[in-house]
Amino acid sequence: MQVFELHKEKTEDYWDVEALFDLCFTPGRFALSSYRLREGQSPIDELCLIAKNEEGFLAGAIRYWPSEIEKNKVLFLGPIAVHPTYQGEGIGAALIKISLKRARELNWKRVLMIGDEVYYRRFGFRKIDGIIFPPPTNPNRILGTELEEYSWQGIQGRVLALKIEN
């Protein structure tokens, strides 16, 4: 059984992480509506995690971005990717669980993502209504989870990038 280390993404990991995202999502990923919210933004360093095997090979990565909905801060998860060689070994689940725990510790109240509810439900994500992403975004794939009870209550509107300093 392989052992993986999870740690914060460092500057020197950037190009390996980008190559992993290209492998898993193709370079066409930049045309996705979610990338419009990331343009010109910096991810939240404390929440960008990577998984490496004992030989130092990048097996997985997750990033988070600051955003807002009607002046309510929202943490935007994505992308998350696991190298095809290591899919099914729990790396993605570990990246999500640990990063959500850290986000809670950093006092984020809610997390938003675009994804498959059937898969992400086990991490507390549910389809949320009334949230508007840049088109084209399938509203059935807009998911959210609460890091603080009732934190999504009453929040609706357009998702915008939020400029914050790391």
Foldseek 3Di string as FASTA:
>chain_A
DWDKDKDFDDPVCVVVQVVQCCVVPNPCPCVDLVVVQCVPFDWDRRLWMWIATPVRRTFKIWTWAWKDFPPQIEIEIDDIGGRPVCPPVCPSVVSLVVSLVVCVVVVHFKYKYFADCVVCVVVAKDQDPQEDTPPPGDSRRIIMHTSHPCSCPPTHHYMHGDDDDD
